[in-house]
Protein backbone atom coordinates (compact mmCIF):
# COMPACT_ATOMS: atom_id res chain seq x y z
CA MET A 1 24.92 8.07 -6.17
CA GLU A 2 22.92 11.06 -7.42
CA GLY A 3 25.60 11.74 -10.05
CA ASP A 4 25.11 8.29 -11.57
CA GLN A 5 21.33 8.62 -12.10
CA GLU A 6 21.72 8.86 -15.87
CA THR A 7 23.33 5.42 -16.13
CA GLU A 8 21.45 3.65 -13.32
CA VAL A 9 18.34 1.58 -14.01
CA TYR A 10 15.83 2.00 -11.20
CA THR A 11 12.89 -0.30 -10.53
CA LEU A 12 10.00 0.09 -8.11
CA VAL A 13 8.32 -3.21 -7.27
CA ALA A 14 4.75 -2.76 -6.09
CA ARG A 15 1.36 -4.42 -5.94
CA LYS A 16 -0.65 -4.43 -9.13
CA PRO A 17 -2.89 -1.58 -10.35
CA SER A 18 -6.62 -1.24 -9.80
CA PHE A 19 -9.24 1.51 -9.32
CA ASP A 20 -7.50 3.43 -12.16
CA LEU A 21 -4.44 3.83 -9.93
CA PRO A 22 -0.93 2.84 -11.12
CA THR A 23 -0.71 0.64 -8.01
CA ALA A 24 -3.72 0.06 -5.78
CA CYS A 25 -1.64 -0.58 -2.67
CA PRO A 26 -1.86 2.33 -0.16
CA ASN A 27 1.73 1.61 0.92
CA CYS A 28 3.11 1.45 -2.62
CA LEU A 29 1.33 4.49 -4.07
CA PRO A 30 3.27 7.14 -2.05
CA ALA A 31 6.61 5.72 -3.24
CA TYR A 32 5.40 5.72 -6.85
CA ILE A 33 4.19 9.33 -6.61
CA TYR A 34 7.37 10.42 -4.82
CA LEU A 35 9.51 9.18 -7.72
CA LYS A 36 7.16 10.88 -10.19
CA LEU A 37 7.34 14.19 -8.32
CA ALA A 38 11.14 13.88 -8.28
CA GLN A 39 11.02 13.16 -12.04
CA LEU A 40 13.38 10.23 -11.54
CA PRO A 41 13.13 7.75 -14.45
CA PHE A 42 12.20 4.29 -13.19
CA GLU A 43 10.54 1.08 -14.25
CA LEU A 44 7.43 -0.20 -12.48
CA ALA A 45 7.12 -3.93 -11.82
CA PHE A 46 4.42 -5.87 -10.02
CA ASN A 47 4.63 -8.70 -7.53
CA SER A 48 1.63 -10.67 -6.24
CA THR A 49 3.57 -13.63 -4.87
CA PHE A 50 3.18 -12.72 -1.18
CA PRO A 51 -0.01 -10.67 -0.83
CA ASP A 52 0.52 -9.79 2.84
CA SER A 53 4.27 -9.12 2.68
CA ASP A 54 5.39 -5.95 4.44
CA GLU A 55 8.46 -5.70 2.19
CA LEU A 56 6.38 -4.18 -0.62
CA PRO A 57 7.00 -1.77 -2.12
CA TYR A 58 10.72 -1.96 -2.64
CA PHE A 59 13.10 -0.02 -4.84
CA GLU A 60 16.13 -1.57 -6.48
CA SER A 61 19.05 -0.67 -8.68
CA GLY A 62 21.74 -3.27 -9.27
CA THR A 63 22.68 -4.61 -5.84
CA TYR A 64 20.97 -1.74 -4.00
CA VAL A 65 17.55 -2.48 -2.49
CA ALA A 66 15.32 -0.30 -0.28
CA TYR A 67 12.51 -2.24 1.40
CA ASN A 68 9.28 -0.84 2.82
CA ASN A 69 9.86 -2.50 6.20
CA GLU A 70 13.36 -1.10 6.75
CA ASP A 71 14.66 2.34 7.82
CA GLY A 72 11.27 4.03 7.93
CA GLY A 73 10.13 2.88 4.50
CA VAL A 74 11.23 3.30 0.89
CA ILE A 75 10.99 7.10 0.75
CA GLU A 76 12.99 7.65 3.93
CA LYS A 77 15.60 5.14 2.75
CA LEU A 78 15.97 6.89 -0.63
CA LYS A 79 16.39 10.23 1.13
CA LYS A 80 18.91 8.86 3.62
CA ASP A 81 21.01 7.11 0.96
CA GLY A 82 21.10 10.12 -1.37
CA ILE A 83 19.18 8.53 -4.23
CA VAL A 84 16.60 11.30 -4.33
CA ASN A 85 15.72 13.75 -1.55
CA LEU A 86 12.97 16.28 -2.15
CA ASP A 87 13.04 17.43 1.49
CA SER A 88 16.69 18.42 1.86
CA GLN A 89 15.89 22.14 2.13
CA LEU A 90 12.52 21.77 3.84
CA GLN A 91 13.19 19.69 6.94
CA SER A 92 14.41 22.72 8.90
CA LEU A 93 11.20 24.66 8.27
CA PRO A 94 8.93 25.01 11.36
CA ASP A 95 5.84 23.65 9.57
CA TYR A 96 7.53 20.55 8.16
CA LEU A 97 7.38 18.33 11.25
CA SER A 98 3.85 19.39 12.21
CA LEU A 99 2.53 18.69 8.70
CA LYS A 100 4.38 15.37 8.63
CA ALA A 101 2.71 14.36 11.90
CA LEU A 102 -0.73 15.16 10.46
CA ILE A 103 -0.19 13.27 7.21
CA VAL A 104 2.06 10.35 8.12
CA SER A 105 0.52 9.74 11.55
CA TRP A 106 -3.11 10.87 11.80
CA LEU A 107 -4.17 10.39 8.18
CA GLU A 108 -2.30 7.11 7.78
CA GLU A 109 -3.97 5.84 10.95
CA ALA A 110 -7.38 6.91 9.64
CA LEU A 111 -6.80 5.24 6.27
CA THR A 112 -5.71 1.99 7.91
CA TYR A 113 -8.87 2.00 10.01
CA GLU A 114 -11.09 2.82 7.04
CA ILE A 115 -9.64 0.10 4.79
CA TRP A 116 -9.80 -2.77 7.28
CA VAL A 117 -12.57 -1.78 9.72
CA GLY A 118 -14.62 1.23 8.61
CA THR A 119 -15.51 -0.15 5.17
CA GLU A 120 -15.20 -3.80 6.27
CA GLY A 121 -12.46 -4.50 3.75
CA ILE A 122 -14.55 -3.88 0.62
CA SER A 123 -11.49 -2.75 -1.36
CA THR A 124 -8.96 -5.22 0.00
CA THR A 125 -9.77 -8.11 -2.33
CA LYS A 126 -8.77 -6.17 -5.44
CA ILE A 127 -5.65 -4.82 -3.75
CA TYR A 128 -4.27 -7.95 -2.10
CA TYR A 129 -6.20 -11.15 -2.72
CA SER A 130 -7.72 -11.19 -6.21
CA ASP A 131 -5.32 -13.95 -7.36
CA LEU A 132 -6.01 -16.22 -4.38
CA PRO A 133 -8.71 -18.83 -3.73
CA TRP A 134 -11.69 -17.44 -1.82
CA VAL A 135 -11.06 -19.38 1.40
CA ILE A 136 -7.39 -18.39 1.62
CA SER A 137 -8.19 -14.76 0.86
CA LYS A 138 -10.71 -14.74 3.73
CA VAL A 139 -8.19 -16.22 6.17
CA LEU A 140 -5.59 -13.61 5.20
CA PHE A 141 -8.18 -10.84 5.39
CA TYR A 142 -9.16 -11.74 8.96
CA LYS A 143 -5.49 -12.02 9.91
CA GLN A 144 -4.70 -8.56 8.47
CA THR A 145 -7.80 -7.05 10.11
CA TYR A 146 -6.70 -8.46 13.45
CA MET A 147 -3.21 -7.02 13.01
CA ALA A 148 -4.60 -3.63 11.94
CA LYS A 149 -6.77 -3.44 15.06
CA ASN A 150 -3.76 -4.31 17.18
CA ARG A 151 -1.69 -1.53 15.59
CA LEU A 152 -4.52 0.94 16.14
CA GLY A 153 -5.01 -0.16 19.74
CA ILE A 154 -8.61 -1.23 19.16
CA THR A 155 -10.22 -3.68 21.58
CA LYS A 156 -13.80 -4.84 22.13
CA GLU A 157 -14.10 -2.40 25.01
CA ASN A 158 -12.86 0.76 23.24
CA THR A 159 -13.99 0.25 19.63
CA GLU A 160 -16.51 3.09 19.61
CA GLN A 161 -14.20 5.47 21.46
CA ARG A 162 -11.23 4.79 19.14
CA GLU A 163 -13.42 5.19 16.05
CA LYS A 164 -14.56 8.64 17.19
CA GLN A 165 -10.99 9.64 18.01
CA ILE A 166 -9.63 8.45 14.64
CA TYR A 167 -12.30 10.27 12.62
CA LYS A 168 -11.94 13.41 14.77
CA ARG A 169 -8.20 13.51 14.15
CA ALA A 170 -8.73 12.98 10.42
CA SER A 171 -11.22 15.87 10.29
CA GLU A 172 -8.78 18.14 12.14
CA ALA A 173 -5.95 17.09 9.81
CA TYR A 174 -8.02 17.82 6.69
CA GLU A 175 -9.00 21.22 8.08
CA ALA A 176 -5.39 22.15 8.92
CA LEU A 177 -4.05 20.94 5.56
CA SER A 178 -6.82 22.72 3.65
CA THR A 179 -6.01 25.98 5.43
CA ARG A 180 -2.28 25.54 4.93
CA LEU A 181 -2.58 24.67 1.24
CA GLY A 182 -5.06 27.30 0.12
CA GLU A 183 -4.70 27.36 -3.65
CA GLN A 184 -0.96 26.62 -3.71
CA LYS A 185 0.35 23.99 -6.09
CA PHE A 186 2.34 22.21 -3.37
CA LEU A 187 2.33 22.21 0.43
CA PHE A 188 5.54 24.24 0.37
CA GLU A 189 4.65 26.80 -2.31
CA ASP A 190 6.56 26.08 -5.53
CA ARG A 191 8.41 22.83 -4.78
CA PRO A 192 7.21 19.25 -4.23
CA SER A 193 8.13 17.25 -1.15
CA SER A 194 7.65 13.78 0.27
CA LEU A 195 4.66 15.18 2.17
CA ASP A 196 3.00 16.00 -1.16
CA ALA A 197 3.59 12.40 -2.21
CA PHE A 198 1.92 11.07 0.95
CA LEU A 199 -0.98 13.52 0.80
CA LEU A 200 -1.62 13.07 -2.93
CA SER A 201 -1.54 9.30 -2.50
CA HIS A 202 -3.96 9.53 0.43
CA ILE A 203 -6.46 11.68 -1.48
CA LEU A 204 -6.34 9.66 -4.70
CA PHE A 205 -6.74 6.36 -2.87
CA ILE A 206 -9.72 7.58 -0.85
CA ILE A 207 -11.52 9.06 -3.86
CA GLN A 208 -10.83 6.22 -6.28
CA ALA A 209 -10.57 3.08 -4.13
CA LEU A 210 -12.97 3.54 -1.22
CA PRO A 211 -16.75 3.21 -1.57
CA VAL A 212 -18.93 6.33 -1.70
CA THR A 213 -20.32 5.39 1.73
CA SER A 214 -16.88 5.76 3.35
CA MET A 215 -16.94 8.15 6.29
CA LEU A 216 -13.36 9.24 5.58
CA ARG A 217 -14.23 9.94 1.96
CA CYS A 218 -17.14 12.15 3.00
CA LYS A 219 -14.92 14.12 5.39
CA LEU A 220 -12.27 14.63 2.70
CA LEU A 221 -14.76 15.85 0.08
CA GLU A 222 -15.79 18.67 2.43
CA HIS A 223 -12.52 20.38 1.45
CA SER A 224 -12.75 21.17 -2.26
CA ASN A 225 -9.29 22.73 -2.48
CA LEU A 226 -7.70 19.43 -1.39
CA VAL A 227 -9.55 17.68 -4.21
CA ARG A 228 -8.45 20.34 -6.73
CA TYR A 229 -4.87 20.03 -5.48
CA ALA A 230 -4.94 16.28 -6.13
CA GLU A 231 -6.53 16.66 -9.55
CA LYS A 232 -3.89 19.16 -10.70
CA LEU A 233 -0.92 17.11 -9.53
CA LYS A 234 -2.40 13.91 -10.90
CA SER A 235 -2.87 15.54 -14.30
CA GLU A 236 0.65 17.00 -14.40
CA PHE A 237 2.78 14.25 -12.87
CA LEU A 238 0.84 11.00 -13.27
CA GLU A 239 -1.36 11.24 -16.34
CA ALA A 240 1.14 13.25 -18.41
CA SER A 241 3.81 10.58 -17.94
CA SER A 242 1.42 7.68 -18.55
CA SER A 243 1.53 8.26 -22.31
CA SER A 244 4.65 6.05 -22.47
CA PRO A 245 3.81 2.33 -22.51
CA SER A 246 3.73 0.81 -19.03
CA PRO A 247 5.19 -2.62 -18.29
CA PRO A 248 2.78 -5.56 -18.41
CA LEU A 249 1.36 -6.92 -15.18
CA HIS A 250 3.66 -9.94 -15.20
CA SER A 251 6.77 -7.80 -15.69
CA PHE A 252 9.36 -8.29 -12.94
CA PRO A 253 12.92 -7.05 -12.37
CA SER A 254 15.83 -9.37 -13.05
CA SER A 255 15.79 -10.73 -9.50
CA PHE A 256 12.47 -12.46 -10.21
CA PRO A 257 12.40 -15.66 -12.23
CA ARG A 258 10.48 -15.30 -15.48
CA LYS A 259 8.05 -17.96 -16.48
CA SER A 260 8.97 -19.88 -19.59
CA SER A 261 6.55 -20.03 -22.48
CA LYS A 262 3.89 -22.69 -22.17
CA PRO A 263 4.44 -25.89 -24.16
CA LYS A 264 1.90 -26.92 -26.70
CA SER A 265 -0.96 -28.77 -25.12
CA LYS A 266 -1.23 -32.47 -25.77
CA PRO A 267 -4.47 -34.14 -26.85
CA LYS A 268 -6.65 -34.82 -23.83
CA VAL A 269 -6.96 -38.43 -22.70
CA GLU A 270 -10.25 -39.38 -21.12
CA LYS A 271 -9.71 -40.31 -17.46
CA THR A 272 -11.46 -43.16 -15.69
CA GLU A 273 -13.89 -42.51 -12.85
CA GLU A 274 -11.38 -43.87 -10.36
CA GLU A 275 -8.67 -41.46 -11.58
CA LYS A 276 -11.09 -38.53 -11.35
CA LYS A 277 -12.04 -39.43 -7.77
CA PHE A 278 -8.39 -39.82 -6.80
CA LYS A 279 -7.47 -36.43 -8.29
CA LYS A 280 -10.39 -34.74 -6.56
CA ARG A 281 -9.40 -36.25 -3.19
CA ALA A 282 -5.78 -35.21 -3.71
CA ARG A 283 -6.79 -31.63 -4.40
CA PHE A 284 -9.02 -31.56 -1.33
CA PHE A 285 -6.26 -33.02 0.83
CA LEU A 286 -3.67 -30.44 -0.34
CA ALA A 287 -6.11 -27.55 0.09
CA ALA A 288 -7.03 -28.74 3.59
CA GLN A 289 -3.37 -29.04 4.56
CA PHE A 290 -2.54 -25.56 3.27
CA LEU A 291 -5.56 -24.04 5.01
CA ALA A 292 -4.64 -25.75 8.26
CA VAL A 293 -1.13 -24.31 8.07
CA VAL A 294 -2.45 -20.79 7.35
CA ILE A 295 -4.93 -20.95 10.23
CA TYR A 296 -2.26 -22.32 12.56
CA VAL A 297 0.15 -19.51 11.68
CA SER A 298 -2.62 -16.93 12.10
CA VAL A 299 -3.69 -18.27 15.51
CA MET A 300 -0.14 -18.60 16.77
CA GLY A 301 0.70 -15.10 15.56
CA GLY A 302 -2.36 -13.68 17.27
CA GLY A 303 -1.67 -15.61 20.45
CA SER A 304 1.86 -14.28 20.74
CA SER A 305 0.61 -10.71 20.35
CA GLU A 306 -1.88 -11.21 23.18
CA GLU A 307 0.81 -12.69 25.41
CA LEU A 308 3.01 -9.67 24.81
CA GLU A 309 0.15 -7.37 25.75
CA TYR A 310 -0.48 -9.25 28.99
CA GLU A 311 3.23 -9.15 29.83
CA ASP A 312 3.31 -5.41 29.28
CA GLU A 313 0.31 -4.99 31.59
CA ASP A 314 1.99 -7.06 34.30
CA ASP A 315 5.06 -4.87 34.08
């Protein structure tokens, strides 16, 4: 498929931009940067239909689709299927797996904790829920926070212990990466890799999306060469290519239905008091029904997770 890149039209579907990032989603940004480092021409489209979907980002070309929740994520899928593989000559190097463990495991864990727990979700509204009503966004936020704590193995009993462990690992990872990088352009001297995409995404997100009070942000800024590394790559691969016009926020690939143009508005007809009351009650009823469904799904999802945990303990 690599030989057909000139004729193929590639599209990366991600969550919308914010914080001066091309996409504010911490899962979407590495895929975007990976394609930029590979200098693979692609179109960027945005999808806010399902704010908590784990399918985003996804990459498509014709009938080919690589989803975030399949085969280790978009980047791994693109490497495996021969679309673009920056790591083909690096995976046998002794440092590759150890650096991957630091970045994809320890730093990803720390970022997940910082987004949903450490900073109490300050940035999440702009990333995921800005298009939703306040009540629904709060329900989804609490659901995602609950799921994040489950993934991180955080309980009421071990919260303080896990927090210390997560920040300690992040500090050790930053120290090791800072020493490894020195003043090199990339982690592996003169060639970019998927690990550069993950690390650059991590640094840019922390600096631009997290509040200045973030513990993780403070630990990162202790290593000035990591910041310089991010600034250089951002300038060369992200800002240099941003001179071409980017697609509008409502731009979607062909698989998404496009909204038709709005018809001309008709002259407003004054409604009676009875009609206004009826409409208000109808809106309240629909909102209450939707909220009840969301809460039910959240509670049932959480309950099943707890049951699985208890079953594992019994075994």
